[in-house]
């Protein structure tokens, strides 16, 4: 009985993360947040938005902002190629409205890598790197097969005010 309880606890403390690449770096996000993975297609541009928002697409009848993570993380820009994908993720916000309980955002990444099972105890705290690197988007770091995987907090990539602004501009 104790053995099966131990297995249940280890399953509970393990989460799956979809990993992807931006250049030579690997990132991960909670697989339960992923709604769809699409090949690259140019989104509809919207004026007066931050540079990292490439535009919007229609997803199941809703307007979805598309964020280029290379620009958001101030990395070197890259050409979009056949391996470039848009990962559509669900965003939680503190104030849920009754009409729109789920917000969806698209993230442009160089390529999807794989799905990893990560134990909670393997996740190291995000590094404190001073003002040189913005780490507010990170949950933590995990080491896998000679590489570091930066685990992302997708809820902090786009604030609710920007979501509202994108939706408003897209309607006009």
Protein backbone atom coordinates (compact mmCIF):
# COMPACT_ATOMS: atom_id res chain seq x y z
CA UNK A 1 0.00 0.00 0.00
CA UNK A 2 2.78 2.44 0.87
CA UNK A 3 4.55 1.67 -2.40
CA UNK A 4 1.53 2.64 -4.51
CA UNK A 5 1.04 5.79 -2.44
CA UNK A 6 4.66 6.77 -3.13
CA UNK A 7 4.12 6.29 -6.88
CA UNK A 8 1.00 8.48 -6.73
CA UNK A 9 2.90 11.22 -4.92
CA UNK A 10 5.73 11.15 -7.47
CA UNK A 11 3.18 11.48 -10.29
CA UNK A 12 1.62 14.47 -8.54
CA UNK A 13 4.96 16.22 -8.12
CA UNK A 14 5.89 15.69 -11.77
CA UNK A 15 4.65 17.93 -14.58
CA UNK A 16 4.97 17.78 -18.33
CA UNK A 17 6.53 20.65 -20.23
CA UNK A 18 6.57 21.26 -23.97
CA UNK A 19 10.10 22.32 -24.84
CA UNK A 20 11.06 24.53 -27.75
CA UNK A 21 14.08 26.35 -29.10
CA UNK A 22 14.94 29.97 -29.63
CA UNK A 23 18.35 29.92 -31.28
CA UNK A 24 20.57 27.62 -29.24
CA UNK A 25 18.51 27.98 -26.05
CA UNK A 26 15.79 25.63 -24.83
CA UNK A 27 12.63 26.79 -23.09
CA UNK A 28 9.70 24.91 -21.62
CA UNK A 29 6.09 25.65 -20.82
CA UNK A 30 3.43 23.69 -18.98
CA UNK A 31 1.87 21.28 -21.51
CA UNK A 32 -1.56 21.82 -19.95
CA UNK A 33 -1.47 25.41 -21.22
CA UNK A 34 -0.89 24.40 -24.87
CA UNK A 35 -4.04 24.60 -27.00
CA UNK A 36 -2.53 24.06 -30.45
CA UNK A 37 0.73 24.12 -32.40
CA UNK A 38 0.55 25.66 -35.89
CA UNK A 39 3.03 26.17 -38.67
CA UNK A 40 4.13 29.74 -39.27
CA UNK A 41 1.74 31.98 -41.16
CA UNK A 42 1.91 35.76 -41.19
CA UNK A 43 -0.57 37.30 -38.73
CA UNK A 44 -2.67 40.38 -39.52
CA UNK A 45 -0.64 43.43 -38.49
CA UNK A 46 -2.17 45.91 -36.05
CA UNK A 47 -0.67 49.43 -35.75
CA UNK A 48 0.33 51.02 -32.44
CA UNK A 49 1.29 47.82 -30.62
CA UNK A 50 4.62 46.88 -29.05
CA UNK A 51 7.18 45.50 -31.55
CA UNK A 52 7.10 42.02 -30.03
CA UNK A 53 3.42 41.61 -31.01
CA UNK A 54 3.57 40.53 -34.65
CA UNK A 55 -0.19 40.87 -35.16
CA UNK A 56 -3.31 38.79 -34.59
CA UNK A 57 -4.92 35.64 -35.96
CA UNK A 58 -8.41 34.22 -35.72
CA UNK A 59 -8.61 31.17 -33.46
CA UNK A 60 -12.00 29.53 -32.97
CA UNK A 61 -13.78 32.82 -33.52
CA UNK A 62 -11.57 34.89 -31.21
CA UNK A 63 -8.76 37.37 -31.76
CA UNK A 64 -5.39 35.99 -30.67
CA UNK A 65 -2.27 38.17 -30.33
CA UNK A 66 0.92 36.62 -31.73
CA UNK A 67 4.10 37.36 -29.78
CA UNK A 68 7.57 36.85 -31.22
CA UNK A 69 9.52 35.53 -28.23
CA UNK A 70 12.86 36.45 -29.81
CA UNK A 71 11.85 40.10 -29.79
CA UNK A 72 10.17 39.84 -26.36
CA UNK A 73 13.37 38.40 -24.87
CA UNK A 74 15.60 40.84 -26.82
CA UNK A 75 17.37 38.04 -28.70
CA UNK A 76 18.78 38.29 -32.22
CA UNK A 77 16.00 38.25 -34.80
CA UNK A 78 15.69 35.21 -37.02
CA UNK A 79 14.09 34.50 -40.35
CA UNK A 80 10.92 32.46 -40.21
CA UNK A 81 11.40 29.09 -41.91
CA UNK A 82 9.58 25.78 -42.29
CA UNK A 83 10.39 24.80 -38.69
CA UNK A 84 9.07 28.06 -37.21
CA UNK A 85 5.82 27.44 -35.34
CA UNK A 86 3.20 29.32 -33.38
CA UNK A 87 2.32 27.73 -30.05
CA UNK A 88 -1.16 28.78 -28.92
CA UNK A 89 -1.36 28.85 -25.13
CA UNK A 90 -4.01 29.53 -22.53
CA UNK A 91 -3.37 32.50 -20.26
CA UNK A 92 -4.80 32.94 -16.80
CA UNK A 93 -5.47 36.36 -15.43
CA UNK A 94 -6.37 37.38 -11.93
CA UNK A 95 -9.65 39.04 -12.89
CA UNK A 96 -11.66 36.53 -14.92
CA UNK A 97 -14.55 38.07 -16.82
CA UNK A 98 -17.71 36.02 -17.22
CA UNK A 99 -17.73 36.48 -20.99
CA UNK A 100 -14.12 35.46 -21.60
CA UNK A 101 -12.77 33.02 -19.03
CA UNK A 102 -9.88 31.84 -21.21
CA UNK A 103 -7.44 34.10 -22.99
CA UNK A 104 -5.35 32.63 -25.80
CA UNK A 105 -2.00 33.95 -26.96
CA UNK A 106 0.29 32.72 -29.74
CA UNK A 107 4.05 32.50 -29.30
CA UNK A 108 6.40 32.36 -32.29
CA UNK A 109 9.29 29.96 -31.63
CA UNK A 110 12.08 28.61 -33.82
CA UNK A 111 11.05 24.97 -33.40
CA UNK A 112 9.36 22.59 -30.99
CA UNK A 113 11.75 20.11 -29.35
CA UNK A 114 9.85 17.55 -27.24
CA UNK A 115 7.72 16.93 -24.16
CA UNK A 116 9.58 16.41 -20.88
CA UNK A 117 8.41 15.01 -17.56
CA UNK A 118 9.95 17.22 -14.90
CA UNK A 119 9.83 16.53 -11.20
CA UNK A 120 9.14 19.55 -9.01
CA UNK A 121 12.32 18.87 -7.02
CA UNK A 122 14.41 19.09 -10.23
CA UNK A 123 13.30 22.67 -10.89
CA UNK A 124 15.87 25.14 -9.63
CA UNK A 125 14.87 28.71 -8.77
CA UNK A 126 15.17 31.26 -11.54
CA UNK A 127 18.54 32.98 -11.56
CA UNK A 128 18.83 36.47 -10.16
CA UNK A 129 20.87 38.23 -12.82
CA UNK A 130 20.35 41.82 -11.82
CA UNK A 131 19.12 44.33 -14.36
CA UNK A 132 20.95 42.76 -17.32
CA UNK A 133 18.33 40.05 -17.92
CA UNK A 134 14.60 40.19 -17.29
CA UNK A 135 13.69 36.96 -15.46
CA UNK A 136 10.10 37.80 -14.54
CA UNK A 137 8.88 35.45 -17.30
CA UNK A 138 10.67 32.46 -15.77
CA UNK A 139 9.35 29.86 -13.32
CA UNK A 140 12.73 28.22 -12.88
CA UNK A 141 15.47 26.24 -14.59
CA UNK A 142 15.99 22.51 -15.06
CA UNK A 143 19.05 20.65 -16.36
CA UNK A 144 18.47 17.87 -18.89
CA UNK A 145 21.03 15.97 -20.98
CA UNK A 146 23.82 18.54 -20.79
CA UNK A 147 21.52 21.48 -21.46
CA UNK A 148 19.60 23.99 -19.42
CA UNK A 149 15.88 24.40 -20.02
CA UNK A 150 14.35 27.70 -18.93
CA UNK A 151 10.78 27.11 -17.73
CA UNK A 152 8.43 29.95 -18.66
CA UNK A 153 5.56 31.60 -16.83
CA UNK A 154 3.27 32.33 -19.80
CA UNK A 155 0.90 34.40 -17.67
CA UNK A 156 3.55 37.11 -17.37
CA UNK A 157 4.37 37.45 -21.09
CA UNK A 158 1.44 39.69 -21.92
CA UNK A 159 -0.43 41.75 -19.36
CA UNK A 160 -4.27 41.94 -19.42
CA UNK A 161 -4.23 45.62 -20.42
CA UNK A 162 -2.27 44.79 -23.57
CA UNK A 163 -4.69 41.93 -24.34
CA UNK A 164 -7.60 44.35 -24.14
CA UNK A 165 -5.79 46.88 -26.34
CA UNK A 166 -5.03 44.24 -28.99
CA UNK A 167 -8.64 43.06 -29.08
CA UNK A 168 -9.96 46.63 -29.29
CA UNK A 169 -7.58 47.61 -32.12
CA UNK A 170 -8.30 44.40 -34.04
CA UNK A 171 -12.03 45.12 -34.04
CA UNK A 172 -11.55 48.51 -35.76
